[in-house]
Protein backbone atom coordinates (compact mmCIF):
# COMPACT_ATOMS: atom_id res chain seq x y z
CA MET A 1 87.39 127.71 127.24
CA ARG A 2 85.27 127.12 124.08
CA MET A 3 87.06 127.49 120.85
CA THR A 4 85.08 129.76 118.20
CA GLY A 5 85.82 130.53 114.56
CA HIS A 6 85.77 128.74 111.14
CA VAL A 7 88.65 126.17 111.97
CA ALA A 8 87.12 124.36 114.96
CA LEU A 9 84.08 122.06 114.15
CA PRO A 10 81.06 122.42 116.34
CA GLY A 11 82.12 120.75 119.75
CA GLU A 12 85.88 120.70 118.83
CA GLN A 13 87.85 122.71 121.79
CA ALA A 14 91.43 122.89 120.49
CA PRO A 15 93.87 121.75 117.86
CA ILE A 16 96.01 118.58 118.50
CA THR A 17 99.63 119.24 118.85
CA VAL A 18 101.88 117.14 116.63
CA HIS A 19 105.74 117.13 116.71
CA LEU A 20 106.16 117.21 113.07
CA ASP A 21 109.91 116.55 112.97
CA ARG A 22 109.65 113.17 114.97
CA TRP A 23 106.91 112.04 112.50
CA ARG A 24 108.96 113.05 109.46
CA GLU A 25 111.79 111.11 110.53
CA ALA A 26 109.63 107.78 111.38
CA LEU A 27 107.51 107.69 108.13
CA PRO A 28 108.25 106.84 104.57
CA PRO A 29 108.15 110.00 102.39
CA ASP A 30 105.20 108.49 100.28
CA ALA A 31 102.97 108.41 103.26
CA TRP A 32 103.31 112.12 104.10
CA PRO A 33 100.09 113.97 103.55
CA THR A 34 100.50 116.81 100.98
CA GLY A 35 99.23 120.35 102.51
CA PHE A 36 99.12 119.16 106.08
CA PRO A 37 99.83 122.06 108.31
CA SER A 38 103.25 122.87 109.01
CA THR A 39 102.48 124.45 112.39
CA GLY A 40 101.93 121.22 114.14
CA GLN A 41 98.50 122.44 115.27
CA VAL A 42 96.20 120.00 113.61
CA TRP A 43 92.46 120.51 113.60
CA ARG A 44 89.74 117.82 112.67
CA ARG A 45 89.18 119.99 109.31
CA ASP A 46 93.00 119.46 108.49
CA VAL A 47 92.24 115.65 108.42
CA PHE A 48 89.11 115.90 106.82
CA ALA A 49 90.71 117.69 104.11
CA VAL A 50 93.05 114.76 103.44
CA ALA A 51 90.06 112.56 103.50
CA ASP A 52 88.45 114.68 100.78
CA ALA A 53 91.60 114.72 98.74
CA TYR A 54 91.55 110.75 99.01
CA ARG A 55 87.92 110.34 97.82
CA ALA A 56 88.93 112.78 94.91
CA GLY A 57 91.85 110.56 94.04
CA SER A 58 94.65 113.05 94.93
CA ALA A 59 95.76 111.55 98.08
CA SER A 60 96.58 107.82 98.91
CA ALA A 61 95.22 105.52 101.52
CA ARG A 62 98.54 105.99 103.21
CA GLN A 63 98.51 109.47 103.41
CA LEU A 64 95.13 109.54 104.78
CA LEU A 65 96.25 107.04 107.31
CA THR A 66 99.18 109.18 108.39
CA ALA A 67 97.01 112.12 108.91
CA VAL A 68 94.70 110.23 111.08
CA LEU A 69 97.38 108.68 113.21
CA MET A 70 99.20 112.15 113.64
CA TRP A 71 95.89 113.58 114.92
CA GLY A 72 95.08 110.78 116.84
CA TYR A 73 98.50 110.24 118.75
CA GLY A 74 99.14 113.84 118.88
CA PRO A 75 102.29 114.55 121.15
CA ILE A 76 102.47 110.79 122.33
CA GLY A 77 105.95 109.86 121.96
CA TYR A 78 105.46 106.36 120.68
CA GLY A 79 102.99 107.35 118.02
CA PRO A 80 105.37 107.78 115.22
CA TRP A 81 106.71 104.48 115.75
CA ARG A 82 103.46 102.85 116.06
CA ALA A 83 102.21 104.36 112.97
CA ALA A 84 105.35 103.19 110.97
CA LYS A 85 104.46 99.92 111.95
CA SER A 86 101.17 100.18 110.86
CA LEU A 87 102.10 101.52 107.41
CA ALA A 88 104.70 98.66 107.02
CA GLY A 89 101.89 96.37 107.33
CA ASP A 90 100.27 97.60 104.23
CA PRO A 91 103.41 99.17 101.97
CA ASP A 92 101.20 99.61 99.03
CA GLY A 93 98.00 100.57 100.72
CA GLU A 94 95.77 98.04 99.00
CA ARG A 95 94.50 96.68 102.13
CA LEU A 96 93.69 100.35 103.42
CA THR A 97 91.93 100.83 100.04
CA GLY A 98 89.98 97.72 100.16
CA ALA A 99 88.53 98.62 103.59
CA LEU A 100 87.71 102.04 103.05
CA ALA A 101 85.94 101.08 99.65
CA ALA A 102 82.53 100.54 101.47
CA VAL A 103 82.78 104.16 103.07
CA SER A 104 84.45 106.50 100.56
CA ALA A 105 82.46 106.12 97.39
CA SER A 106 79.10 107.37 98.66
CA PRO A 107 77.51 108.17 101.92
CA PRO A 108 77.75 104.63 103.75
CA ASP A 109 74.68 102.98 104.96
CA GLU A 110 74.50 100.71 108.09
CA GLU A 111 75.49 97.52 105.97
CA ALA A 112 78.51 99.63 104.33
CA LEU A 113 79.53 100.51 107.97
CA LEU A 114 79.65 96.95 109.26
CA THR A 115 81.45 95.72 106.19
CA ALA A 116 84.29 98.30 106.76
CA TYR A 117 84.65 97.79 110.37
CA ARG A 118 84.84 93.96 109.94
CA ARG A 119 87.44 94.30 107.21
CA PHE A 120 89.68 96.28 109.63
CA ARG A 121 89.43 93.28 112.33
CA ASP A 122 90.06 90.67 109.70
CA PRO A 123 93.65 89.57 109.26
CA GLN A 124 93.01 88.37 105.86
CA GLN A 125 91.67 91.87 104.88
CA ALA A 126 92.93 95.06 106.47
CA ARG A 127 93.94 94.15 109.95
CA LEU A 128 97.37 96.03 110.33
CA PRO A 129 99.84 96.25 113.32
CA TRP A 130 98.85 98.70 116.11
CA LEU A 131 95.50 99.59 114.23
CA GLY A 132 92.99 98.35 116.60
CA PRO A 133 89.31 99.77 116.89
CA ALA A 134 90.35 102.87 118.75
CA PHE A 135 92.35 104.00 115.74
CA PHE A 136 90.37 102.29 112.78
CA THR A 137 87.29 103.92 114.01
CA LYS A 138 89.06 107.21 113.45
CA VAL A 139 89.82 106.44 110.02
CA LEU A 140 86.57 105.43 109.31
CA TYR A 141 85.11 108.49 110.78
CA PHE A 142 87.42 110.82 108.61
CA ALA A 143 86.96 108.69 105.53
CA GLY A 144 82.94 108.00 105.78
CA TYR A 145 81.62 111.00 107.64
CA ARG A 146 79.43 113.34 105.75
CA ARG A 147 78.73 116.60 107.42
CA GLY A 148 75.18 117.84 107.54
CA ALA A 149 73.87 114.56 106.18
CA GLY A 150 72.53 113.55 109.64
CA GLY A 151 71.38 109.98 110.15
CA VAL A 152 73.92 106.86 111.28
CA GLN A 153 77.26 108.29 110.65
CA PRO A 154 81.01 106.60 111.22
CA LEU A 155 82.20 107.75 114.71
CA ILE A 156 85.27 107.37 116.87
CA LEU A 157 85.28 104.73 119.45
CA ASP A 158 87.98 104.56 121.80
CA ARG A 159 88.82 103.65 125.51
CA VAL A 160 87.91 107.17 126.67
CA VAL A 161 84.44 107.34 124.49
CA GLY A 162 83.81 103.69 125.41
CA GLY A 163 84.29 104.38 129.03
CA ARG A 164 82.06 107.25 129.21
CA LEU A 165 79.14 106.33 127.10
CA PRO A 166 75.69 105.82 129.07
CA VAL A 167 74.28 102.27 128.90
CA GLU A 168 71.66 102.92 126.50
CA ALA A 169 74.47 103.52 123.87
CA GLY A 170 74.87 99.83 123.73
CA VAL A 171 78.76 99.60 124.36
CA THR A 172 79.37 97.04 127.10
CA ARG A 173 83.25 97.11 127.25
CA ARG A 174 86.09 99.54 127.16
CA SER A 175 88.13 97.79 124.17
CA GLY A 176 87.76 95.28 121.69
CA TRP A 177 84.23 96.25 120.38
CA SER A 178 82.37 94.35 118.03
CA SER A 179 80.97 95.60 114.83
CA GLU A 180 77.39 95.47 116.25
CA GLU A 181 78.55 97.17 119.47
CA TRP A 182 79.91 100.00 117.23
CA LEU A 183 76.64 100.22 115.24
CA ALA A 184 74.52 100.33 118.23
CA TYR A 185 76.66 103.54 119.26
CA LEU A 186 76.34 105.09 115.94
CA ARG A 187 72.47 104.63 115.99
CA TRP A 188 72.16 106.10 119.50
CA ALA A 189 74.48 108.93 118.53
CA ALA A 190 72.30 109.56 115.48
CA GLU A 191 69.26 109.52 117.58
CA GLN A 192 70.83 112.03 120.32
CA ALA A 193 71.97 114.33 117.46
CA GLN A 194 68.67 114.44 115.70
CA ALA A 195 67.11 115.38 119.01
CA ARG A 196 69.08 118.22 119.86
CA GLY A 197 69.71 119.63 116.19
CA ILE A 198 73.42 118.71 116.17
CA ASP A 199 75.72 116.80 114.21
CA PRO A 200 76.62 113.22 115.22
CA ASP A 201 80.33 113.96 115.93
CA ALA A 202 79.28 116.67 118.35
CA VAL A 203 77.89 113.99 120.56
CA GLU A 204 81.09 112.01 120.48
CA MET A 205 83.00 114.89 121.18
CA ALA A 206 80.80 115.94 124.23
CA VAL A 207 81.09 112.13 125.58
CA PHE A 208 84.85 112.31 124.84
CA ARG A 209 85.13 115.51 127.00
CA ASP A 210 82.99 114.11 129.77
CA ARG A 211 80.19 116.86 128.83
CA TRP A 212 77.46 114.61 128.00
CA PRO A 213 74.49 115.27 128.11
CA LEU A 214 74.97 118.91 126.66
CA GLY A 215 73.76 121.85 128.24
CA ASP A 216 71.50 124.27 126.46
CA ASP A 217 74.34 126.48 125.55
CA GLU A 218 76.11 123.93 123.71
CA MET A 219 73.03 122.77 121.60
CA ALA A 220 72.33 123.97 118.08
CA THR A 221 69.33 126.06 117.53
CA PRO A 222 66.46 124.16 115.84
């Protein structure tokens, strides 16, 4: 069933269920995102709100990472443990801040996106425990996406998306993607979004749900 209303983004079907008590027990207090939903039902807009606060200087990089990982892992039992390990790899948030600098200050161009991706893969910069491409592309998506701006935008690339993308998207593996593969996917998604009058992340959501290509009833009116 399609979800409607102001909470869901176009293409978003339902919130992610998060067991907040387990996460609070596992994570350091400084990493808890202020104002995060107390219901345990987390929509993408809730994570974007933390990203907006981060760009405004009122939330830390660690709080943003926590919000992204809670949404990303959802009810998976090992999520809090892995998130704690990721946070412990950057106790002051400097590595995260450095990696996100390229995408958070202004709408990122392709070079900024490549730079950010590479920093998250580099052990000397922002590579963190249990934070591979499937999750750091989630961080880049929330930190760098500019809704309504169109063009090439940071998007999530995980095993599900990678396994369902068409050949023309330029992704050849189910994991361990290079920065060039990620950029090829972003370019493809931007082209598909422009042709259909939708945002690029609606393309990602449709691929994730195995609903690509979209039917006419799911496309925006030009």
